[in-house]
């Protein structure tokens, strides 16, 4: 098959294009890729790691807020605003859309709808995280292979 002989960089580009086609990523992710600098080839992986850690913390706080007997919707809205902003900033299109819908339900004070939409946000986060894990792994391999090739070159 043609894909098996494709170089790792092309495989990464094809994977990212597929994630765009599925609506998981948007153009903001491409803009971040363009910011990548030679001085720090691990920039994207570091950014993904920061996003993932921050998103997991927000999701945990929203989980706690939704589990209270008296739901504090203002706390949920604050955490959702943070989650929505970081998701938008990294180019997580479908997760961002899910956060927007959840935000409307939280503003309406609709606990049942919030529970339902929070499940969708978590599902979209898991999908985005899997996507980012794959991208990070491919990039690590590309960086590692590039480093090994440079070391093998005679001086």
N, C-alpha and C. Protein backbone atom coordinates (compact mmCIF):
# COMPACT_ATOMS: atom_id res chain seq x y z
N UNK A 1 0.84 -1.19 0.00
CA UNK A 1 0.00 0.00 0.00
C UNK A 1 0.88 1.24 0.00
N UNK A 2 0.46 2.29 -0.63
CA UNK A 2 1.26 3.50 -0.79
C UNK A 2 1.55 4.16 0.56
N UNK A 3 0.62 4.12 1.49
CA UNK A 3 0.79 4.76 2.79
C UNK A 3 1.94 4.18 3.59
N UNK A 4 2.23 2.89 3.41
CA UNK A 4 3.28 2.27 4.20
C UNK A 4 4.66 2.73 3.79
N UNK A 5 4.83 3.20 2.55
CA UNK A 5 6.13 3.66 2.10
C UNK A 5 6.29 5.17 2.26
N UNK A 6 5.27 5.83 2.77
CA UNK A 6 5.30 7.27 2.94
C UNK A 6 6.28 7.64 4.06
N UNK A 7 7.00 8.72 3.86
CA UNK A 7 7.94 9.14 4.90
C UNK A 7 7.17 9.62 6.13
N UNK A 8 7.80 9.60 7.31
CA UNK A 8 7.10 9.95 8.57
C UNK A 8 6.48 11.34 8.57
N UNK A 9 7.15 12.31 7.96
CA UNK A 9 6.60 13.67 7.92
C UNK A 9 5.32 13.70 7.08
N UNK A 10 5.31 12.97 5.98
CA UNK A 10 4.11 12.92 5.15
C UNK A 10 2.98 12.19 5.88
N UNK A 11 3.32 11.14 6.62
CA UNK A 11 2.31 10.43 7.41
C UNK A 11 1.69 11.37 8.44
N UNK A 12 2.53 12.18 9.09
CA UNK A 12 2.03 13.14 10.06
C UNK A 12 1.11 14.15 9.38
N UNK A 13 1.53 14.69 8.25
CA UNK A 13 0.71 15.65 7.52
C UNK A 13 -0.62 15.04 7.08
N UNK A 14 -0.59 13.80 6.63
CA UNK A 14 -1.82 13.11 6.23
C UNK A 14 -2.74 12.91 7.42
N UNK A 15 -2.17 12.54 8.56
CA UNK A 15 -2.96 12.33 9.77
C UNK A 15 -3.63 13.64 10.20
N UNK A 16 -2.87 14.72 10.20
CA UNK A 16 -3.43 16.03 10.58
C UNK A 16 -4.54 16.43 9.62
N UNK A 17 -4.35 16.18 8.33
CA UNK A 17 -5.39 16.48 7.33
C UNK A 17 -6.66 15.67 7.62
N UNK A 18 -6.49 14.41 7.99
CA UNK A 18 -7.64 13.56 8.34
C UNK A 18 -8.37 14.12 9.56
N UNK A 19 -7.62 14.59 10.54
CA UNK A 19 -8.24 15.17 11.75
C UNK A 19 -9.00 16.45 11.40
N UNK A 20 -8.50 17.20 10.43
CA UNK A 20 -9.24 18.37 9.93
C UNK A 20 -10.53 17.92 9.25
N UNK A 21 -10.41 16.92 8.39
CA UNK A 21 -11.58 16.44 7.65
C UNK A 21 -12.68 15.95 8.58
N UNK A 22 -12.29 15.39 9.71
CA UNK A 22 -13.26 14.89 10.70
C UNK A 22 -13.77 15.99 11.62
N UNK A 23 -13.24 17.20 11.46
CA UNK A 23 -13.68 18.33 12.29
C UNK A 23 -13.06 18.35 13.67
N UNK A 24 -12.11 17.48 13.95
CA UNK A 24 -11.48 17.44 15.27
C UNK A 24 -10.56 18.64 15.44
N UNK A 25 -9.79 18.96 14.40
CA UNK A 25 -8.88 20.10 14.43
C UNK A 25 -9.35 21.18 13.46
N UNK A 26 -8.90 22.42 13.71
CA UNK A 26 -9.19 23.50 12.77
C UNK A 26 -7.90 24.24 12.43
N UNK A 27 -8.04 25.35 11.73
CA UNK A 27 -6.89 26.09 11.23
C UNK A 27 -5.98 26.64 12.32
N UNK A 28 -6.51 26.83 13.51
CA UNK A 28 -5.67 27.35 14.59
C UNK A 28 -4.54 26.38 14.92
N UNK A 29 -4.80 25.09 14.80
CA UNK A 29 -3.73 24.12 15.03
C UNK A 29 -2.63 24.29 13.99
N UNK A 30 -3.03 24.52 12.76
CA UNK A 30 -2.05 24.74 11.69
C UNK A 30 -1.22 26.00 11.97
N UNK A 31 -1.86 27.02 12.50
CA UNK A 31 -1.13 28.24 12.84
C UNK A 31 -0.08 27.97 13.91
N UNK A 32 -0.43 27.11 14.86
CA UNK A 32 0.55 26.74 15.90
C UNK A 32 1.71 25.96 15.30
N UNK A 33 1.38 25.07 14.37
CA UNK A 33 2.46 24.32 13.70
C UNK A 33 3.40 25.27 12.98
N UNK A 34 2.85 26.32 12.41
CA UNK A 34 3.68 27.28 11.69
C UNK A 34 4.58 28.08 12.62
N UNK A 35 4.21 28.19 13.89
CA UNK A 35 5.02 28.91 14.87
C UNK A 35 6.25 28.11 15.31
N UNK A 36 6.21 26.84 15.04
CA UNK A 36 7.31 25.95 15.44
C UNK A 36 8.63 26.55 14.98
N UNK A 37 9.58 26.53 15.87
CA UNK A 37 10.89 27.11 15.55
C UNK A 37 11.95 26.01 15.57
N UNK A 38 12.96 26.18 14.76
CA UNK A 38 14.08 25.23 14.73
C UNK A 38 14.74 25.11 16.09
N UNK A 39 14.79 26.22 16.84
CA UNK A 39 15.43 26.19 18.15
C UNK A 39 14.68 25.30 19.14
N UNK A 40 13.39 25.10 18.92
CA UNK A 40 12.61 24.27 19.82
C UNK A 40 11.67 23.38 19.01
N UNK A 41 12.19 22.28 18.45
CA UNK A 41 11.34 21.40 17.65
C UNK A 41 10.27 20.69 18.49
N UNK A 42 10.39 20.75 19.80
CA UNK A 42 9.41 20.09 20.68
C UNK A 42 8.28 21.04 21.10
N UNK A 43 8.23 22.22 20.51
CA UNK A 43 7.25 23.25 20.87
C UNK A 43 5.83 22.71 20.85
N UNK A 44 5.44 22.07 19.78
CA UNK A 44 4.05 21.57 19.64
C UNK A 44 3.77 20.53 20.71
N UNK A 45 4.70 19.61 20.94
CA UNK A 45 4.49 18.58 21.95
C UNK A 45 4.34 19.20 23.34
N UNK A 46 5.13 20.22 23.62
CA UNK A 46 5.02 20.90 24.91
C UNK A 46 3.68 21.61 25.04
N UNK A 47 3.25 22.24 23.97
CA UNK A 47 1.97 22.93 23.96
C UNK A 47 0.82 21.94 24.17
N UNK A 48 0.88 20.81 23.49
CA UNK A 48 -0.13 19.77 23.65
C UNK A 48 -0.17 19.27 25.09
N UNK A 49 0.98 19.06 25.67
CA UNK A 49 1.06 18.58 27.05
C UNK A 49 0.45 19.59 28.02
N UNK A 50 0.76 20.87 27.85
CA UNK A 50 0.17 21.91 28.70
C UNK A 50 -1.34 21.96 28.54
N UNK A 51 -1.81 21.91 27.29
CA UNK A 51 -3.25 21.93 27.04
C UNK A 51 -3.92 20.75 27.73
N UNK A 52 -3.37 19.57 27.55
CA UNK A 52 -3.97 18.36 28.11
C UNK A 52 -4.05 18.45 29.63
N UNK A 53 -2.96 18.86 30.27
CA UNK A 53 -2.97 18.98 31.73
C UNK A 53 -3.99 20.01 32.21
N UNK A 54 -4.04 21.16 31.55
CA UNK A 54 -5.00 22.20 31.93
C UNK A 54 -6.44 21.74 31.71
N UNK A 55 -6.68 21.09 30.58
CA UNK A 55 -8.04 20.62 30.28
C UNK A 55 -8.48 19.57 31.29
N UNK A 56 -7.58 18.66 31.63
CA UNK A 56 -7.93 17.63 32.63
C UNK A 56 -8.27 18.26 33.97
N UNK A 57 -7.53 19.31 34.36
CA UNK A 57 -7.82 20.00 35.61
C UNK A 57 -9.18 20.68 35.55
N UNK A 58 -9.50 21.34 34.45
CA UNK A 58 -10.82 21.98 34.29
C UNK A 58 -11.93 20.95 34.34
N UNK A 59 -11.75 19.85 33.64
CA UNK A 59 -12.77 18.81 33.61
C UNK A 59 -13.00 18.25 35.01
N UNK A 60 -11.93 18.06 35.78
CA UNK A 60 -12.07 17.57 37.15
C UNK A 60 -12.85 18.57 38.00
N UNK A 61 -12.56 19.87 37.84
CA UNK A 61 -13.28 20.88 38.62
C UNK A 61 -14.75 20.97 38.22
N UNK A 62 -15.03 20.83 36.93
CA UNK A 62 -16.43 20.85 36.48
C UNK A 62 -17.14 19.61 37.01
N UNK A 63 -16.47 18.46 36.99
CA UNK A 63 -17.04 17.24 37.54
C UNK A 63 -17.44 17.45 38.99
N UNK A 64 -16.54 18.04 39.77
CA UNK A 64 -16.85 18.31 41.18
C UNK A 64 -18.02 19.27 41.32
N UNK A 65 -18.03 20.34 40.53
CA UNK A 65 -19.09 21.34 40.62
C UNK A 65 -20.45 20.74 40.25
N UNK A 66 -20.47 19.85 39.26
CA UNK A 66 -21.74 19.23 38.86
C UNK A 66 -22.23 18.19 39.87
N UNK A 67 -21.33 17.67 40.69
CA UNK A 67 -21.72 16.62 41.63
C UNK A 67 -22.31 17.17 42.92
N UNK A 68 -22.21 18.49 43.12
CA UNK A 68 -22.74 19.09 44.34
C UNK A 68 -24.27 19.07 44.34
N UNK A 69 -24.83 19.01 45.53
CA UNK A 69 -26.29 19.03 45.67
C UNK A 69 -26.85 20.32 45.09
N UNK A 70 -26.24 21.43 45.46
CA UNK A 70 -26.62 22.73 44.91
C UNK A 70 -25.55 23.12 43.88
N UNK A 71 -25.85 22.93 42.63
CA UNK A 71 -24.87 23.18 41.57
C UNK A 71 -24.59 24.68 41.47
N UNK A 72 -23.29 25.02 41.50
CA UNK A 72 -22.86 26.40 41.35
C UNK A 72 -22.54 26.63 39.87
N UNK A 73 -23.55 27.08 39.15
CA UNK A 73 -23.39 27.26 37.70
C UNK A 73 -22.36 28.33 37.36
N UNK A 74 -22.17 29.32 38.23
CA UNK A 74 -21.18 30.35 37.93
C UNK A 74 -19.76 29.75 37.93
N UNK A 75 -19.48 28.81 38.82
CA UNK A 75 -18.18 28.12 38.82
C UNK A 75 -18.02 27.31 37.54
N UNK A 76 -19.07 26.63 37.16
CA UNK A 76 -19.03 25.82 35.93
C UNK A 76 -18.78 26.72 34.72
N UNK A 77 -19.47 27.84 34.67
CA UNK A 77 -19.30 28.78 33.55
C UNK A 77 -17.87 29.31 33.51
N UNK A 78 -17.31 29.64 34.67
CA UNK A 78 -15.93 30.13 34.73
C UNK A 78 -14.95 29.08 34.22
N UNK A 79 -15.09 27.85 34.66
CA UNK A 79 -14.20 26.77 34.22
C UNK A 79 -14.41 26.45 32.74
N UNK A 80 -15.66 26.52 32.30
CA UNK A 80 -15.97 26.29 30.89
C UNK A 80 -15.35 27.37 30.02
N UNK A 81 -15.37 28.60 30.50
CA UNK A 81 -14.77 29.70 29.76
C UNK A 81 -13.27 29.43 29.57
N UNK A 82 -12.62 28.98 30.63
CA UNK A 82 -11.19 28.65 30.57
C UNK A 82 -10.95 27.48 29.60
N UNK A 83 -11.76 26.45 29.72
CA UNK A 83 -11.62 25.26 28.87
C UNK A 83 -11.89 25.60 27.41
N UNK A 84 -12.92 26.38 27.19
CA UNK A 84 -13.29 26.80 25.83
C UNK A 84 -12.17 27.61 25.20
N UNK A 85 -11.59 28.52 25.96
CA UNK A 85 -10.51 29.36 25.44
C UNK A 85 -9.28 28.56 25.07
N UNK A 86 -8.88 27.64 25.94
CA UNK A 86 -7.68 26.85 25.63
C UNK A 86 -7.93 25.89 24.48
N UNK A 87 -9.14 25.36 24.40
CA UNK A 87 -9.49 24.46 23.31
C UNK A 87 -9.50 25.19 21.98
N UNK A 88 -10.07 26.39 21.99
CA UNK A 88 -10.07 27.21 20.77
C UNK A 88 -8.65 27.58 20.37
N UNK A 89 -7.84 27.95 21.36
CA UNK A 89 -6.47 28.38 21.09
C UNK A 89 -5.59 27.30 20.49
N UNK A 90 -5.89 26.04 20.79
CA UNK A 90 -5.07 24.96 20.26
C UNK A 90 -5.68 24.34 19.00
N UNK A 91 -6.88 24.76 18.66
CA UNK A 91 -7.49 24.28 17.41
C UNK A 91 -8.34 23.05 17.55
N UNK A 92 -8.89 22.81 18.74
CA UNK A 92 -9.76 21.65 18.96
C UNK A 92 -11.20 21.99 18.62
N UNK A 93 -11.54 21.91 17.35
CA UNK A 93 -12.81 22.41 16.84
C UNK A 93 -14.04 21.74 17.46
N UNK A 94 -14.12 20.42 17.40
CA UNK A 94 -15.33 19.73 17.91
C UNK A 94 -15.47 19.90 19.41
N UNK A 95 -14.36 19.87 20.13
CA UNK A 95 -14.43 20.05 21.58
C UNK A 95 -14.88 21.47 21.90
N UNK A 96 -14.38 22.44 21.16
CA UNK A 96 -14.80 23.82 21.35
C UNK A 96 -16.31 23.96 21.15
N UNK A 97 -16.83 23.34 20.10
CA UNK A 97 -18.28 23.41 19.83
C UNK A 97 -19.07 22.79 20.98
N UNK A 98 -18.58 21.67 21.50
CA UNK A 98 -19.26 21.01 22.62
C UNK A 98 -19.23 21.92 23.86
N UNK A 99 -18.13 22.60 24.09
CA UNK A 99 -18.03 23.54 25.23
C UNK A 99 -19.02 24.69 25.07
N UNK A 100 -19.17 25.18 23.86
CA UNK A 100 -20.12 26.27 23.61
C UNK A 100 -21.55 25.84 23.94
N UNK A 101 -21.94 24.65 23.53
CA UNK A 101 -23.28 24.16 23.82
C UNK A 101 -23.47 23.95 25.32
N UNK A 102 -22.45 23.41 25.97
CA UNK A 102 -22.50 23.20 27.42
C UNK A 102 -22.63 24.54 28.13
N UNK A 103 -21.94 25.55 27.65
CA UNK A 103 -21.99 26.89 28.25
C UNK A 103 -23.41 27.45 28.23
N UNK A 104 -24.13 27.23 27.15
CA UNK A 104 -25.51 27.71 27.05
C UNK A 104 -26.38 27.01 28.10
N UNK A 105 -26.22 25.70 28.24
CA UNK A 105 -27.00 24.95 29.23
C UNK A 105 -26.67 25.40 30.65
N UNK A 106 -25.38 25.68 30.90
CA UNK A 106 -24.99 26.15 32.23
C UNK A 106 -25.58 27.54 32.51
N UNK A 107 -25.58 28.41 31.51
CA UNK A 107 -26.16 29.75 31.68
C UNK A 107 -27.66 29.67 31.94
N UNK A 108 -28.31 28.65 31.37
CA UNK A 108 -29.74 28.44 31.59
C UNK A 108 -30.03 27.75 32.93
N UNK A 109 -28.97 27.24 33.58
CA UNK A 109 -29.16 26.53 34.84
C UNK A 109 -29.83 25.18 34.66
N UNK A 110 -29.69 24.58 33.50
CA UNK A 110 -30.33 23.29 33.18
C UNK A 110 -29.38 22.13 33.53
N UNK A 111 -29.54 21.61 34.75
CA UNK A 111 -28.64 20.57 35.27
C UNK A 111 -28.65 19.31 34.41
N UNK A 112 -29.81 18.84 34.02
CA UNK A 112 -29.87 17.62 33.20
C UNK A 112 -29.17 17.81 31.86
N UNK A 113 -29.42 18.93 31.23
CA UNK A 113 -28.76 19.22 29.94
C UNK A 113 -27.25 19.37 30.14
N UNK A 114 -26.84 19.99 31.26
CA UNK A 114 -25.42 20.12 31.57
C UNK A 114 -24.76 18.75 31.70
N UNK A 115 -25.43 17.85 32.43
CA UNK A 115 -24.88 16.50 32.59
C UNK A 115 -24.69 15.83 31.22
N UNK A 116 -25.70 15.97 30.38
CA UNK A 116 -25.66 15.37 29.04
C UNK A 116 -24.54 15.98 28.18
N UNK A 117 -24.45 17.30 28.19
CA UNK A 117 -23.46 17.97 27.36
C UNK A 117 -22.04 17.82 27.92
N UNK A 118 -21.93 17.67 29.24
CA UNK A 118 -20.61 17.46 29.82
C UNK A 118 -20.05 16.10 29.38
N UNK A 119 -20.93 15.12 29.24
CA UNK A 119 -20.47 13.83 28.70
C UNK A 119 -19.91 14.02 27.30
N UNK A 120 -20.58 14.82 26.50
CA UNK A 120 -20.09 15.09 25.14
C UNK A 120 -18.74 15.82 25.17
N UNK A 121 -18.60 16.80 26.06
CA UNK A 121 -17.32 17.52 26.19
C UNK A 121 -16.22 16.52 26.54
N UNK A 122 -16.49 15.64 27.49
CA UNK A 122 -15.47 14.66 27.89
C UNK A 122 -15.14 13.69 26.76
N UNK A 123 -16.15 13.28 26.00
CA UNK A 123 -15.91 12.41 24.84
C UNK A 123 -15.04 13.13 23.80
N UNK A 124 -15.37 14.38 23.53
CA UNK A 124 -14.59 15.16 22.56
C UNK A 124 -13.17 15.40 23.08
N UNK A 125 -13.02 15.59 24.39
CA UNK A 125 -11.69 15.75 24.95
C UNK A 125 -10.89 14.45 24.74
N UNK A 126 -11.50 13.32 25.02
CA UNK A 126 -10.80 12.05 24.83
C UNK A 126 -10.39 11.84 23.38
N UNK A 127 -11.26 12.20 22.46
CA UNK A 127 -10.93 12.10 21.03
C UNK A 127 -9.78 13.02 20.68
N UNK A 128 -9.85 14.27 21.16
CA UNK A 128 -8.79 15.24 20.88
C UNK A 128 -7.48 14.80 21.51
N UNK A 129 -7.55 14.28 22.72
CA UNK A 129 -6.34 13.81 23.41
C UNK A 129 -5.71 12.65 22.64
N UNK A 130 -6.51 11.72 22.16
CA UNK A 130 -5.97 10.61 21.35
C UNK A 130 -5.31 11.15 20.09
N UNK A 131 -5.94 12.11 19.47
CA UNK A 131 -5.38 12.76 18.27
C UNK A 131 -4.04 13.39 18.61
N UNK A 132 -4.00 14.16 19.69
CA UNK A 132 -2.76 14.82 20.10
C UNK A 132 -1.69 13.82 20.52
N UNK A 133 -2.11 12.74 21.18
CA UNK A 133 -1.13 11.70 21.56
C UNK A 133 -0.47 11.12 20.31
N UNK A 134 -1.27 10.87 19.28
CA UNK A 134 -0.73 10.34 18.02
C UNK A 134 0.20 11.34 17.36
N UNK A 135 -0.22 12.60 17.30
CA UNK A 135 0.62 13.64 16.70
C UNK A 135 1.93 13.76 17.48
N UNK A 136 1.86 13.77 18.79
CA UNK A 136 3.06 13.90 19.61
C UNK A 136 4.01 12.73 19.38
N UNK A 137 3.47 11.55 19.32
CA UNK A 137 4.30 10.36 19.09
C UNK A 137 4.97 10.42 17.72
N UNK A 138 4.21 10.78 16.70
CA UNK A 138 4.79 10.90 15.35
C UNK A 138 5.88 11.96 15.32
N UNK A 139 5.63 13.09 15.99
CA UNK A 139 6.63 14.17 16.02
C UNK A 139 7.88 13.73 16.79
N UNK A 140 7.70 13.02 17.90
CA UNK A 140 8.86 12.52 18.65
C UNK A 140 9.71 11.61 17.78
N UNK A 141 9.05 10.74 17.02
CA UNK A 141 9.78 9.83 16.12
C UNK A 141 10.51 10.60 15.03
N UNK A 142 9.87 11.60 14.47
CA UNK A 142 10.51 12.42 13.43
C UNK A 142 11.73 13.14 14.01
N UNK A 143 11.56 13.74 15.18
CA UNK A 143 12.67 14.46 15.83
C UNK A 143 13.80 13.49 16.17
N UNK A 144 13.44 12.34 16.72
CA UNK A 144 14.45 11.34 17.09
C UNK A 144 15.20 10.82 15.86
N UNK A 145 14.47 10.53 14.80
CA UNK A 145 15.11 10.05 13.56
C UNK A 145 16.02 11.12 12.97
N UNK A 146 15.59 12.37 13.03
CA UNK A 146 16.41 13.46 12.51
C UNK A 146 17.69 13.62 13.31
N UNK A 147 17.60 13.46 14.62
CA UNK A 147 18.77 13.56 15.49
C UNK A 147 19.74 12.42 15.21
N UNK A 148 19.22 11.21 15.06
CA UNK A 148 20.08 10.05 14.77
C UNK A 148 20.78 10.22 13.43
N UNK A 149 20.06 10.73 12.41
CA UNK A 149 20.67 10.93 11.10
C UNK A 149 21.79 11.95 11.16
N UNK A 150 21.58 13.03 11.91
CA UNK A 150 22.62 14.06 12.02
C UNK A 150 23.85 13.51 12.73
N UNK A 151 23.65 12.64 13.72
CA UNK A 151 24.79 12.05 14.43
C UNK A 151 25.60 11.12 13.56
N UNK A 152 24.95 10.45 12.63
CA UNK A 152 25.64 9.48 11.76
C UNK A 152 26.47 10.14 10.66
N UNK A 153 26.16 11.37 10.33
CA UNK A 153 26.87 12.05 9.25
C UNK A 153 28.34 12.25 9.63
N UNK A 154 29.22 11.97 8.71
CA UNK A 154 30.64 12.23 9.00
C UNK A 154 30.90 13.73 9.03
N UNK A 155 31.82 14.12 9.88
CA UNK A 155 32.14 15.56 10.02
C UNK A 155 32.99 16.07 8.91
